[in-house]
PDB file of N, CA and C in Angstrom:
ATOM      1  N   MET A   1     128.106  90.545  62.663  1.00  0.00           N
ATOM      2  CA  MET A   1     127.165  91.588  63.111  1.00  0.00           C
ATOM      3  C   MET A   1     125.639  91.896  63.578  1.00  0.00           C
ATOM      4  N   SER A   2     124.675  90.232  63.087  1.00  0.00           N
ATOM      5  CA  SER A   2     123.678  89.620  63.335  1.00  0.00           C
ATOM      6  C   SER A   2     124.016  90.116  65.159  1.00  0.00           C
ATOM      7  N   ARG A   3     125.032  89.061  65.112  1.00  0.00           N
ATOM      8  CA  ARG A   3     125.716  88.207  67.159  1.00  0.00           C
ATOM      9  C   ARG A   3     125.287  89.506  67.859  1.00  0.00           C
ATOM     10  N   ILE A   4     126.094  90.293  67.193  1.00  0.00           N
ATOM     11  CA  ILE A   4     126.025  92.028  68.164  1.00  0.00           C
ATOM     12  C   ILE A   4     124.637  92.370  68.565  1.00  0.00           C
ATOM     13  N   ILE A   5     123.996  92.571  66.879  1.00  0.00           N
ATOM     14  CA  ILE A   5     122.898  92.904  67.258  1.00  0.00           C
ATOM     15  C   ILE A   5     121.584  92.409  68.341  1.00  0.00           C
ATOM     16  N   SER A   6     121.477  90.495  68.132  1.00  0.00           N
ATOM     17  CA  SER A   6     121.162  89.606  68.949  1.00  0.00           C
ATOM     18  C   SER A   6     121.675  90.017  70.442  1.00  0.00           C
ATOM     19  N   ALA A   7     122.313  90.195  71.123  1.00  0.00           N
ATOM     20  CA  ALA A   7     123.292  89.826  72.532  1.00  0.00           C
ATOM     21  C   ALA A   7     122.631  92.271  72.934  1.00  0.00           C
ATOM     22  N   VAL A   8     123.028  93.161  71.935  1.00  0.00           N
ATOM     23  CA  VAL A   8     122.390  93.871  72.550  1.00  0.00           C
ATOM     24  C   VAL A   8     120.856  93.826  72.623  1.00  0.00           C
ATOM     25  N   ALA A   9     119.940  93.365  71.934  1.00  0.00           N
ATOM     26  CA  ALA A   9     118.619  93.430  71.681  1.00  0.00           C
ATOM     27  C   ALA A   9     118.490  92.614  73.114  1.00  0.00           C
ATOM     28  N   GLY A  10     118.697  90.892  72.967  1.00  0.00           N
ATOM     29  CA  GLY A  10     118.922  90.570  74.913  1.00  0.00           C
ATOM     30  C   GLY A  10     119.514  91.617  76.244  1.00  0.00           C
ATOM     31  N   ALA A  11     119.950  91.857  76.188  1.00  0.00           N
ATOM     32  CA  ALA A  11     120.146  92.803  77.093  1.00  0.00           C
ATOM     33  C   ALA A  11     120.077  94.323  77.162  1.00  0.00           C
ATOM     34  N   MET A  12     119.179  95.031  76.216  1.00  0.00           N
ATOM     35  CA  MET A  12     118.164  96.095  76.900  1.00  0.00           C
ATOM     36  C   MET A  12     116.535  94.524  77.193  1.00  0.00           C
ATOM     37  N   LEU A  13     116.074  94.459  76.742  1.00  0.00           N
ATOM     38  CA  LEU A  13     115.620  93.142  77.451  1.00  0.00           C
ATOM     39  C   LEU A  13     115.276  92.799  78.772  1.00  0.00           C
ATOM     40  N   VAL A  14     116.826  92.721  79.279  1.00  0.00           N
ATOM     41  CA  VAL A  14     116.947  92.312  80.566  1.00  0.00           C
ATOM     42  C   VAL A  14     117.077  92.740  81.623  1.00  0.00           C
ATOM     43  N   ILE A  15     117.834  94.020  80.919  1.00  0.00           N
ATOM     44  CA  ILE A  15     117.537  95.690  81.509  1.00  0.00           C
ATOM     45  C   ILE A  15     115.815  95.604  81.688  1.00  0.00           C
ATOM     46  N   SER A  16     114.903  95.711  80.503  1.00  0.00           N
ATOM     47  CA  SER A  16     113.703  96.273  80.426  1.00  0.00           C
ATOM     48  C   SER A  16     112.966  95.703  81.589  1.00  0.00           C
ATOM     49  N   LEU A  17     113.072  94.800  81.494  1.00  0.00           N
ATOM     50  CA  LEU A  17     111.982  93.296  82.509  1.00  0.00           C
ATOM     51  C   LEU A  17     112.895  93.668  84.005  1.00  0.00           C
ATOM     52  N   GLY A  18     114.282  93.913  84.622  1.00  0.00           N
ATOM     53  CA  GLY A  18     114.259  94.590  85.900  1.00  0.00           C
ATOM     54  C   GLY A  18     114.078  96.170  86.076  1.00  0.00           C
ATOM     55  N   SER A  19     113.880  96.583  85.545  1.00  0.00           N
ATOM     56  CA  SER A  19     113.093  98.038  85.596  1.00  0.00           C
ATOM     57  C   SER A  19     111.608  97.839  86.165  1.00  0.00           C
ATOM     58  N   VAL A  20     110.724  96.969  86.076  1.00  0.00           N
ATOM     59  CA  VAL A  20     109.550  97.020  85.934  1.00  0.00           C
ATOM     60  C   VAL A  20     109.023  97.876  87.582  1.00  0.00           C
ATOM     61  N   ASP A  21     108.503  98.083  87.271  1.00  0.00           N
ATOM     62  CA  ASP A  21     107.769  99.295  88.395  1.00  0.00           C
ATOM     63  C   ASP A  21     107.426  98.739  89.521  1.00  0.00           C
ATOM     64  N   ALA A  22     108.276  98.096  90.636  1.00  0.00           N
ATOM     65  CA  ALA A  22     107.028  96.999  92.065  1.00  0.00           C
ATOM     66  C   ALA A  22     105.982  97.459  92.078  1.00  0.00           C
ATOM     67  N   LYS A  23     104.741  98.487  92.028  1.00  0.00           N
ATOM     68  CA  LYS A  23     104.169  98.423  92.341  1.00  0.00           C
ATOM     69  C   LYS A  23     102.643  97.289  91.173  1.00  0.00           C
ATOM     70  N   ALA A  24     103.938  96.627  90.406  1.00  0.00           N
ATOM     71  CA  ALA A  24     103.328  96.152  88.686  1.00  0.00           C
ATOM     72  C   ALA A  24     103.041  94.535  89.636  1.00  0.00           C
ATOM     73  N   ALA A  25     104.165  94.170  90.639  1.00  0.00           N
ATOM     74  CA  ALA A  25     103.851  93.206  91.026  1.00  0.00           C
ATOM     75  C   ALA A  25     103.275  92.654  92.257  1.00  0.00           C
ATOM     76  N   TYR A  26     102.679  93.587  92.602  1.00  0.00           N
ATOM     77  CA  TYR A  26     101.806  93.480  93.774  1.00  0.00           C
ATOM     78  C   TYR A  26     100.118  94.139  93.767  1.00  0.00           C
ATOM     79  N   ASN A  27      98.761  93.724  94.132  1.00  0.00           N
ATOM     80  CA  ASN A  27      97.784  93.598  94.202  1.00  0.00           C
ATOM     81  C   ASN A  27      97.357  94.187  94.508  1.00  0.00           C
ATOM     82  N   ALA A  28      96.780  95.582  94.710  1.00  0.00           N
ATOM     83  CA  ALA A  28      95.995  96.571  96.045  1.00  0.00           C
ATOM     84  C   ALA A  28      94.799  96.254  96.571  1.00  0.00           C
ATOM     85  N   ALA A  29      94.305  95.981  95.241  1.00  0.00           N
ATOM     86  CA  ALA A  29      92.739  95.210  95.218  1.00  0.00           C
ATOM     87  C   ALA A  29      92.328  93.797  95.985  1.00  0.00           C
ATOM     88  N   ALA A  30      94.157  93.058  96.003  1.00  0.00           N
ATOM     89  CA  ALA A  30      93.538  91.992  96.446  1.00  0.00           C
ATOM     90  C   ALA A  30      94.051  92.319  98.649  1.00  0.00           C
ATOM     91  N   GLY A  31      94.862  93.279  98.408  1.00  0.00           N
ATOM     92  CA  GLY A  31      95.518  93.445  99.243  1.00  0.00           C
ATOM     93  C   GLY A  31      94.152  93.841 100.363  1.00  0.00           C
ATOM     94  N   LYS A  32      93.512  94.719  99.390  1.00  0.00           N
ATOM     95  CA  LYS A  32      92.469  95.594 100.712  1.00  0.00           C
ATOM     96  C   LYS A  32      91.683  93.622 101.950  1.00  0.00           C
ATOM     97  N   THR A  33      91.596  93.025 101.148  1.00  0.00           N
ATOM     98  CA  THR A  33      91.429  91.900 101.720  1.00  0.00           C
ATOM     99  C   THR A  33      92.043  90.974 103.077  1.00  0.00           C
ATOM    100  N   VAL A  34      93.340  90.983 102.897  1.00  0.00           N
ATOM    101  CA  VAL A  34      94.914  90.967 103.316  1.00  0.00           C
ATOM    102  C   VAL A  34      94.492  92.500 104.692  1.00  0.00           C
ATOM    103  N   TYR A  35      94.133  93.252 104.244  1.00  0.00           N
ATOM    104  CA  TYR A  35      94.870  94.534 105.379  1.00  0.00           C
ATOM    105  C   TYR A  35      93.131  94.176 105.844  1.00  0.00           C
ATOM    106  N   ASP A  36      92.116  94.039 105.584  1.00  0.00           N
ATOM    107  CA  ASP A  36      90.243  93.670 106.957  1.00  0.00           C
ATOM    108  C   ASP A  36      90.888  93.051 107.612  1.00  0.00           C
ATOM    109  N   ALA A  37      91.306  91.848 107.405  1.00  0.00           N
ATOM    110  CA  ALA A  37      91.489  90.619 108.070  1.00  0.00           C
ATOM    111  C   ALA A  37      93.092  90.629 109.720  1.00  0.00           C
ATOM    112  N   SER A  38      93.964  91.845 108.871  1.00  0.00           N
ATOM    113  CA  SER A  38      95.464  91.334 109.706  1.00  0.00           C
ATOM    114  C   SER A  38      95.807  92.531 109.952  1.00  0.00           C
ATOM    115  N   CYS A  39      95.883  93.310 109.357  1.00  0.00           N
ATOM    116  CA  CYS A  39      96.329  94.788 109.543  1.00  0.00           C
ATOM    117  C   CYS A  39      95.632  95.305 109.939  1.00  0.00           C
ATOM    118  N   VAL A  40      94.330  96.089 110.081  1.00  0.00           N
ATOM    119  CA  VAL A  40      93.443  97.073 110.136  1.00  0.00           C
ATOM    120  C   VAL A  40      93.731  97.140 112.010  1.00  0.00           C
ATOM    121  N   ALA A  41      93.940  96.038 112.242  1.00  0.00           N
ATOM    122  CA  ALA A  41      93.843  96.433 114.349  1.00  0.00           C
ATOM    123  C   ALA A  41      94.956  97.441 114.533  1.00  0.00           C
ATOM    124  N   CYS A  42      96.079  97.835 114.000  1.00  0.00           N
ATOM    125  CA  CYS A  42      96.724  98.263 114.584  1.00  0.00           C
ATOM    126  C   CYS A  42      97.455  99.134 112.683  1.00  0.00           C
ATOM    127  N   HIS A  43      96.531  99.666 112.553  1.00  0.00           N
ATOM    128  CA  HIS A  43      96.162 100.166 110.672  1.00  0.00           C
ATOM    129  C   HIS A  43      95.790 101.315 110.554  1.00  0.00           C
ATOM    130  N   ALA A  44      94.626 100.729 111.544  1.00  0.00           N
ATOM    131  CA  ALA A  44      93.332 101.700 111.412  1.00  0.00           C
ATOM    132  C   ALA A  44      93.592 102.509 113.270  1.00  0.00           C
ATOM    133  N   SER A  45      93.774 102.005 113.517  1.00  0.00           N
ATOM    134  CA  SER A  45      94.348 103.175 114.753  1.00  0.00           C
ATOM    135  C   SER A  45      95.355 104.229 114.865  1.00  0.00           C
ATOM    136  N   GLY A  46      96.729 103.090 114.030  1.00  0.00           N
ATOM    137  CA  GLY A  46      98.266 103.967 115.109  1.00  0.00           C
ATOM    138  C   GLY A  46      98.685 102.673 116.252  1.00  0.00           C
ATOM    139  N   ILE A  47      98.331 101.846 116.337  1.00  0.00           N
ATOM    140  CA  ILE A  47      99.081 100.789 117.625  1.00  0.00           C
ATOM    141  C   ILE A  47     100.018 100.341 117.718  1.00  0.00           C
ATOM    142  N   MET A  48     100.907 100.903 118.269  1.00  0.00           N
ATOM    143  CA  MET A  48     102.519 100.839 118.187  1.00  0.00           C
ATOM    144  C   MET A  48     103.033 101.919 117.045  1.00  0.00           C
ATOM    145  N   GLY A  49     102.577 102.969 116.749  1.00  0.00           N
ATOM    146  CA  GLY A  49     103.122 103.671 115.723  1.00  0.00           C
ATOM    147  C   GLY A  49     103.084 103.685 114.592  1.00  0.00           C
ATOM    148  N   ALA A  50     102.156 102.210 114.367  1.00  0.00           N
ATOM    149  CA  ALA A  50     101.712 101.844 112.753  1.00  0.00           C
ATOM    150  C   ALA A  50     101.208 103.102 112.014  1.00  0.00           C
ATOM    151  N   PRO A  51     101.121 103.571 111.018  1.00  0.00           N
ATOM    152  CA  PRO A  51     100.945 104.654 110.175  1.00  0.00           C
ATOM    153  C   PRO A  51      99.390 104.551 110.112  1.00  0.00           C
ATOM    154  N   LYS A  52      98.482 105.390 110.148  1.00  0.00           N
ATOM    155  CA  LYS A  52      97.294 105.121 109.783  1.00  0.00           C
ATOM    156  C   LYS A  52      97.502 105.494 108.359  1.00  0.00           C
ATOM    157  N   VAL A  53      96.294 104.061 107.962  1.00  0.00           N
ATOM    158  CA  VAL A  53      96.057 104.577 106.832  1.00  0.00           C
ATOM    159  C   VAL A  53      95.073 105.378 105.909  1.00  0.00           C
ATOM    160  N   GLY A  54      95.587 106.547 104.878  1.00  0.00           N
ATOM    161  CA  GLY A  54      94.643 107.571 104.566  1.00  0.00           C
ATOM    162  C   GLY A  54      94.878 108.394 105.380  1.00  0.00           C
ATOM    163  N   LEU A  55      96.082 108.246 105.781  1.00  0.00           N
ATOM    164  CA  LEU A  55      96.292 109.726 106.886  1.00  0.00           C
ATOM    165  C   LEU A  55      98.114 109.655 106.471  1.00  0.00           C
ATOM    166  N   LYS A  56      97.499 111.130 105.250  1.00  0.00           N
ATOM    167  CA  LYS A  56      98.887 111.004 104.806  1.00  0.00           C
ATOM    168  C   LYS A  56     100.389 111.408 105.478  1.00  0.00           C
ATOM    169  N   THR A  57     100.058 112.710 106.486  1.00  0.00           N
ATOM    170  CA  THR A  57     101.163 112.733 106.786  1.00  0.00           C
ATOM    171  C   THR A  57     101.802 111.665 107.667  1.00  0.00           C
ATOM    172  N   ALA A  58     101.130 110.515 107.608  1.00  0.00           N
ATOM    173  CA  ALA A  58     101.932 109.384 108.406  1.00  0.00           C
ATOM    174  C   ALA A  58     102.543 108.694 107.381  1.00  0.00           C
ATOM    175  N   TRP A  59     102.576 109.166 106.122  1.00  0.00           N
ATOM    176  CA  TRP A  59     103.019 108.371 105.060  1.00  0.00           C
ATOM    177  C   TRP A  59     104.260 108.949 104.937  1.00  0.00           C
ATOM    178  N   THR A  60     104.248 110.149 104.585  1.00  0.00           N
ATOM    179  CA  THR A  60     105.450 111.208 103.367  1.00  0.00           C
ATOM    180  C   THR A  60     106.321 110.462 103.867  1.00  0.00           C
ATOM    181  N   SER A  61     107.147 110.505 105.357  1.00  0.00           N
ATOM    182  CA  SER A  61     108.597 109.986 104.983  1.00  0.00           C
ATOM    183  C   SER A  61     108.441 107.677 105.269  1.00  0.00           C
ATOM    184  N   ARG A  62     107.016 107.546 104.781  1.00  0.00           N
ATOM    185  CA  ARG A  62     107.911 106.078 104.418  1.00  0.00           C
ATOM    186  C   ARG A  62     107.289 105.860 103.138  1.00  0.00           C
ATOM    187  N   ILE A  63     106.752 106.294 101.597  1.00  0.00           N
ATOM    188  CA  ILE A  63     106.195 106.125 101.085  1.00  0.00           C
ATOM    189  C   ILE A  63     107.369 106.595 100.222  1.00  0.00           C
ATOM    190  N   PRO A  64     108.775 108.040 100.204  1.00  0.00           N
ATOM    191  CA  PRO A  64     108.900 107.773  99.295  1.00  0.00           C
ATOM    192  C   PRO A  64     110.229 106.693  98.990  1.00  0.00           C
ATOM    193  N   GLN A  65     110.816 105.836 100.789  1.00  0.00           N
ATOM    194  CA  GLN A  65     111.199 104.488 100.579  1.00  0.00           C
ATOM    195  C   GLN A  65     111.123 103.297  99.252  1.00  0.00           C
ATOM    196  N   GLY A  66     110.379 103.386  99.178  1.00  0.00           N
ATOM    197  CA  GLY A  66     109.564 102.735  98.086  1.00  0.00           C
ATOM    198  C   GLY A  66     108.648 101.428  98.468  1.00  0.00           C
ATOM    199  N   LEU A  67     108.236 101.252  97.586  1.00  0.00           N
ATOM    200  CA  LEU A  67     106.750  99.927  97.579  1.00  0.00           C
ATOM    201  C   LEU A  67     108.305  98.863  98.685  1.00  0.00           C
ATOM    202  N   GLU A  68     109.081  98.258  97.940  1.00  0.00           N
ATOM    203  CA  GLU A  68     109.918  97.073  98.165  1.00  0.00           C
ATOM    204  C   GLU A  68     110.438  97.535  99.764  1.00  0.00           C
ATOM    205  N   THR A  69     110.826  98.536  98.951  1.00  0.00           N
ATOM    206  CA  THR A  69     110.887  98.490 101.377  1.00  0.00           C
ATOM    207  C   THR A  69     110.355  98.406 102.018  1.00  0.00           C
ATOM    208  N   MET A  70     109.319  99.496 101.928  1.00  0.00           N
ATOM    209  CA  MET A  70     108.314  98.789 103.211  1.00  0.00           C
ATOM    210  C   MET A  70     107.855  97.220 102.821  1.00  0.00           C
ATOM    211  N   VAL A  71     107.526  96.918 101.335  1.00  0.00           N
ATOM    212  CA  VAL A  71     107.370  95.198 101.569  1.00  0.00           C
ATOM    213  C   VAL A  71     108.199  94.493 102.517  1.00  0.00           C
ATOM    214  N   GLN A  72     109.587  94.545 102.438  1.00  0.00           N
ATOM    215  CA  GLN A  72     110.318  93.539 103.065  1.00  0.00           C
ATOM    216  C   GLN A  72     110.647  94.083 104.698  1.00  0.00           C
ATOM    217  N   LYS A  73     110.028  95.625 105.217  1.00  0.00           N
ATOM    218  CA  LYS A  73     109.999  95.516 106.216  1.00  0.00           C
ATOM    219  C   LYS A  73     108.637  94.911 107.205  1.00  0.00           C
ATOM    220  N   SER A  74     108.205  95.185 105.835  1.00  0.00           N
ATOM    221  CA  SER A  74     106.917  94.287 106.795  1.00  0.00           C
ATOM    222  C   SER A  74     106.774  92.942 107.038  1.00  0.00           C
ATOM    223  N   ILE A  75     107.696  92.294 105.831  1.00  0.00           N
ATOM    224  CA  ILE A  75     107.685  90.596 105.839  1.00  0.00           C
ATOM    225  C   ILE A  75     108.700  90.407 107.327  1.00  0.00           C
ATOM    226  N   LYS A  76     109.534  91.098 107.380  1.00  0.00           N
ATOM    227  CA  LYS A  76     111.290  90.784 107.831  1.00  0.00           C
ATOM    228  C   LYS A  76     110.731  91.247 109.335  1.00  0.00           C
ATOM    229  N   GLY A  77     109.087  91.940 109.653  1.00  0.00           N
ATOM    230  CA  GLY A  77     109.679  92.777 110.571  1.00  0.00           C
ATOM    231  C   GLY A  77     110.724  94.306 111.090  1.00  0.00           C
ATOM    232  N   TYR A  78     110.421  95.406 111.974  1.00  0.00           N
ATOM    233  CA  TYR A  78     110.851  96.402 111.979  1.00  0.00           C
ATOM    234  C   TYR A  78     111.066  97.079 113.357  1.00  0.00           C
ATOM    235  N   GLN A  79     111.953  97.363 113.374  1.00  0.00           N
ATOM    236  CA  GLN A  79     112.273  98.332 115.133  1.00  0.00           C
ATOM    237  C   GLN A  79     112.058 100.183 114.697  1.00  0.00           C
ATOM    238  N   GLY A  80     111.407 101.212 115.166  1.00  0.00           N
ATOM    239  CA  GLY A  80     112.106 102.475 114.196  1.00  0.00           C
ATOM    240  C   GLY A  80     111.666 102.911 115.686  1.00  0.00           C
ATOM    241  N   THR A  81     112.557 104.254 115.467  1.00  0.00           N
ATOM    242  CA  THR A  81     112.329 104.846 116.951  1.00  0.00           C
ATOM    243  C   THR A  81     110.505 105.134 117.085  1.00  0.00           C
ATOM    244  N   LYS A  82     109.549 105.654 115.686  1.00  0.00           N
ATOM    245  CA  LYS A  82     108.568 106.114 116.003  1.00  0.00           C
ATOM    246  C   LYS A  82     107.614 104.866 116.743  1.00  0.00           C
ATOM    247  N   GLY A  83     107.805 103.123 116.558  1.00  0.00           N
ATOM    248  CA  GLY A  83     107.198 102.132 116.716  1.00  0.00           C
ATOM    249  C   GLY A  83     108.450 100.996 116.244  1.00  0.00           C
ATOM    250  N   MET A  84     106.836  99.902 116.273  1.00  0.00           N
ATOM    251  CA  MET A  84     107.950  98.715 115.478  1.00  0.00           C
ATOM    252  C   MET A  84     106.450  98.106 114.485  1.00  0.00           C
ATOM    253  N   MET A  85     106.843  96.780 113.204  1.00  0.00           N
ATOM    254  CA  MET A  85     106.155  96.750 113.023  1.00  0.00           C
ATOM    255  C   MET A  85     106.781  94.942 113.502  1.00  0.00           C
ATOM    256  N   PRO A  86     105.724  93.843 113.713  1.00  0.00           N
ATOM    257  CA  PRO A  86     106.307  92.576 113.969  1.00  0.00           C
ATOM    258  C   PRO A  86     105.693  91.947 112.209  1.00  0.00           C
ATOM    259  N   ALA A  87     107.008  90.786 112.547  1.00  0.00           N
ATOM    260  CA  ALA A  87     106.966  89.949 110.851  1.00  0.00           C
ATOM    261  C   ALA A  87     106.004  89.869 110.407  1.00  0.00           C
ATOM    262  N   LYS A  88     105.099  89.813 109.479  1.00  0.00           N
ATOM    263  CA  LYS A  88     104.492  90.063 108.876  1.00  0.00           C
ATOM    264  C   LYS A  88     102.841  90.221 109.584  1.00  0.00           C
ATOM    265  N   GLY A  89     102.996  91.442 110.439  1.00  0.00           N
ATOM    266  CA  GLY A  89     102.810  91.924 110.813  1.00  0.00           C
ATOM    267  C   GLY A  89     101.249  90.667 111.990  1.00  0.00           C
ATOM    268  N   GLY A  90     102.220  89.762 112.205  1.00  0.00           N
ATOM    269  CA  GLY A  90     102.463  89.252 114.396  1.00  0.00           C
ATOM    270  C   GLY A  90     101.155  87.915 113.166  1.00  0.00           C
ATOM    271  N   ASN A  91     101.528  87.023 112.273  1.00  0.00           N
ATOM    272  CA  ASN A  91     100.341  86.540 111.143  1.00  0.00           C
ATOM    273  C   ASN A  91     101.138  85.887 110.922  1.00  0.00           C
ATOM    274  N   ALA A  92     101.863  84.723 110.891  1.00  0.00           N
ATOM    275  CA  ALA A  92     103.412  84.120 110.336  1.00  0.00           C
ATOM    276  C   ALA A  92     102.701  83.436 109.407  1.00  0.00           C
ATOM    277  N   LYS A  93     100.923  83.276 108.983  1.00  0.00           N
ATOM    278  CA  LYS A  93     100.864  82.240 107.925  1.00  0.00           C
ATOM    279  C   LYS A  93     100.244  83.286 106.829  1.00  0.00           C
ATOM    280  N   LEU A  94     100.566  84.077 106.249  1.00  0.00           N
ATOM    281  CA  LEU A  94     100.552  85.926 105.408  1.00  0.00           C
ATOM    282  C   LEU A  94     101.716  84.997 104.241  1.00  0.00           C
ATOM    283  N   THR A  95     101.127  84.766 103.490  1.00  0.00           N
ATOM    284  CA  THR A  95     102.832  84.593 102.111  1.00  0.00           C
ATOM    285  C   THR A  95     103.754  86.565 101.946  1.00  0.00           C
ATOM    286  N   ASN A  96     104.493  86.039 101.465  1.00  0.00           N
ATOM    287  CA  ASN A  96     105.374  87.732 100.725  1.00  0.00           C
ATOM    288  C   ASN A  96     104.517  88.103 100.281  1.00  0.00           C
ATOM    289  N   ALA A  97     103.787  86.956  99.342  1.00  0.00           N
ATOM    290  CA  ALA A  97     102.587  88.710  98.714  1.00  0.00           C
ATOM    291  C   ALA A  97     101.563  88.611  98.592  1.00  0.00           C
ATOM    292  N   GLU A  98     100.844  88.436  99.878  1.00  0.00           N
ATOM    293  CA  GLU A  98      99.826  88.879 100.704  1.00  0.00           C
ATOM    294  C   GLU A  98     100.324  90.057 101.330  1.00  0.00           C
ATOM    295  N   VAL A  99     101.321  89.753 102.143  1.00  0.00           N
ATOM    296  CA  VAL A  99     101.955  91.140 102.982  1.00  0.00           C
ATOM    297  C   VAL A  99     102.176  91.900 101.404  1.00  0.00           C
ATOM    298  N   GLY A 100     103.534  91.791 100.887  1.00  0.00           N
ATOM    299  CA  GLY A 100     103.067  93.206  99.914  1.00  0.00           C
ATOM    300  C   GLY A 100     101.841  93.788  98.804  1.00  0.00           C
ATOM    301  N   ASN A 101     100.632  92.444  99.029  1.00  0.00           N
ATOM    302  CA  ASN A 101      99.481  93.165  98.613  1.00  0.00           C
ATOM    303  C   ASN A 101      99.007  94.259  99.626  1.00  0.00           C
ATOM    304  N   ALA A 102      98.834  93.761 100.777  1.00  0.00           N
ATOM    305  CA  ALA A 102      98.053  94.596 101.812  1.00  0.00           C
ATOM    306  C   ALA A 102      99.203  96.426 101.833  1.00  0.00           C
ATOM    307  N   VAL A 103     100.881  96.140 101.594  1.00  0.00           N
ATOM    308  CA  VAL A 103     100.853  96.928 101.885  1.00  0.00           C
ATOM    309  C   VAL A 103     100.773  98.292 100.342  1.00  0.00           C
ATOM    310  N   ALA A 104     100.923  97.175  99.292  1.00  0.00           N
ATOM    311  CA  ALA A 104     100.402  98.501  98.101  1.00  0.00           C
ATOM    312  C   ALA A 104      99.033  99.501  98.421  1.00  0.00           C
ATOM    313  N   TYR A 105      98.186  98.476  99.108  1.00  0.00           N
ATOM    314  CA  TYR A 105      96.887  99.023  99.339  1.00  0.00           C
ATOM    315  C   TYR A 105      96.397 100.063 100.019  1.00  0.00           C
ATOM    316  N   MET A 106      97.774  99.648 101.376  1.00  0.00           N
ATOM    317  CA  MET A 106      97.908 100.486 102.361  1.00  0.00           C
ATOM    318  C   MET A 106      98.789 101.956 101.247  1.00  0.00           C
ATOM    319  N   VAL A 107      99.728 101.934 100.808  1.00  0.00           N
ATOM    320  CA  VAL A 107      99.963 102.917  99.652  1.00  0.00           C
ATOM    321  C   VAL A 107      99.064 103.814  99.770  1.00  0.00           C
ATOM    322  N   GLU A 108      97.933 102.829  98.646  1.00  0.00           N
ATOM    323  CA  GLU A 108      97.155 103.770  97.653  1.00  0.00           C
ATOM    324  C   GLU A 108      96.430 104.356  97.834  1.00  0.00           C
ATOM    325  N   GLN A 109      95.914 103.955  99.438  1.00  0.00           N
ATOM    326  CA  GLN A 109      94.953 104.872 100.339  1.00  0.00           C
ATOM    327  C   GLN A 109      95.745 105.472 100.897  1.00  0.00           C
ATOM    328  N   SER A 110      96.769 105.679 101.170  1.00  0.00           N
ATOM    329  CA  SER A 110      97.305 106.838 101.734  1.00  0.00           C
ATOM    330  C   SER A 110      97.927 107.994 101.764  1.00  0.00           C
ATOM    331  N   LYS A 111      97.990 107.986 100.155  1.00  0.00           N
ATOM    332  CA  LYS A 111      99.052 108.672  98.854  1.00  0.00           C
ATOM    333  C   LYS A 111      97.623 110.468  98.615  1.00  0.00           C
TER     334      LYS A 111
END
C-alpha cells in the first residue's frame, strides 16, 4: 500500500512541476536590458510589423497564444501576414533565455 501512495505522490509532483507557469521561467526585469539593446529598434516603432511595446491593441492577438509560443517564434523567427520576426531579432548572439526574458518584458509592458 505504501508503494502505491509513494507512486501517486511522485506522479503528482511530476504533474505539478510540468504545470509551472512559463512566466516563472523568464525574468522580465532582465529582459529590459535585452530589449533596450536588441529589440527596441523594431518594437518601439513597429518596423516590419513588430508590435509596439506598450500598445495594448498590438498585443491583443498575440498574448492569448501564450508566452512560450511567442518566445519560440522569437527564437526561431516568424513570417506572418502582417510582418515578420527575424530569428532572435537578428541578433544570433542572444541566448534563448535572453530572448525569453525580452519577450516577457515586452508582454508585461503591453498588457
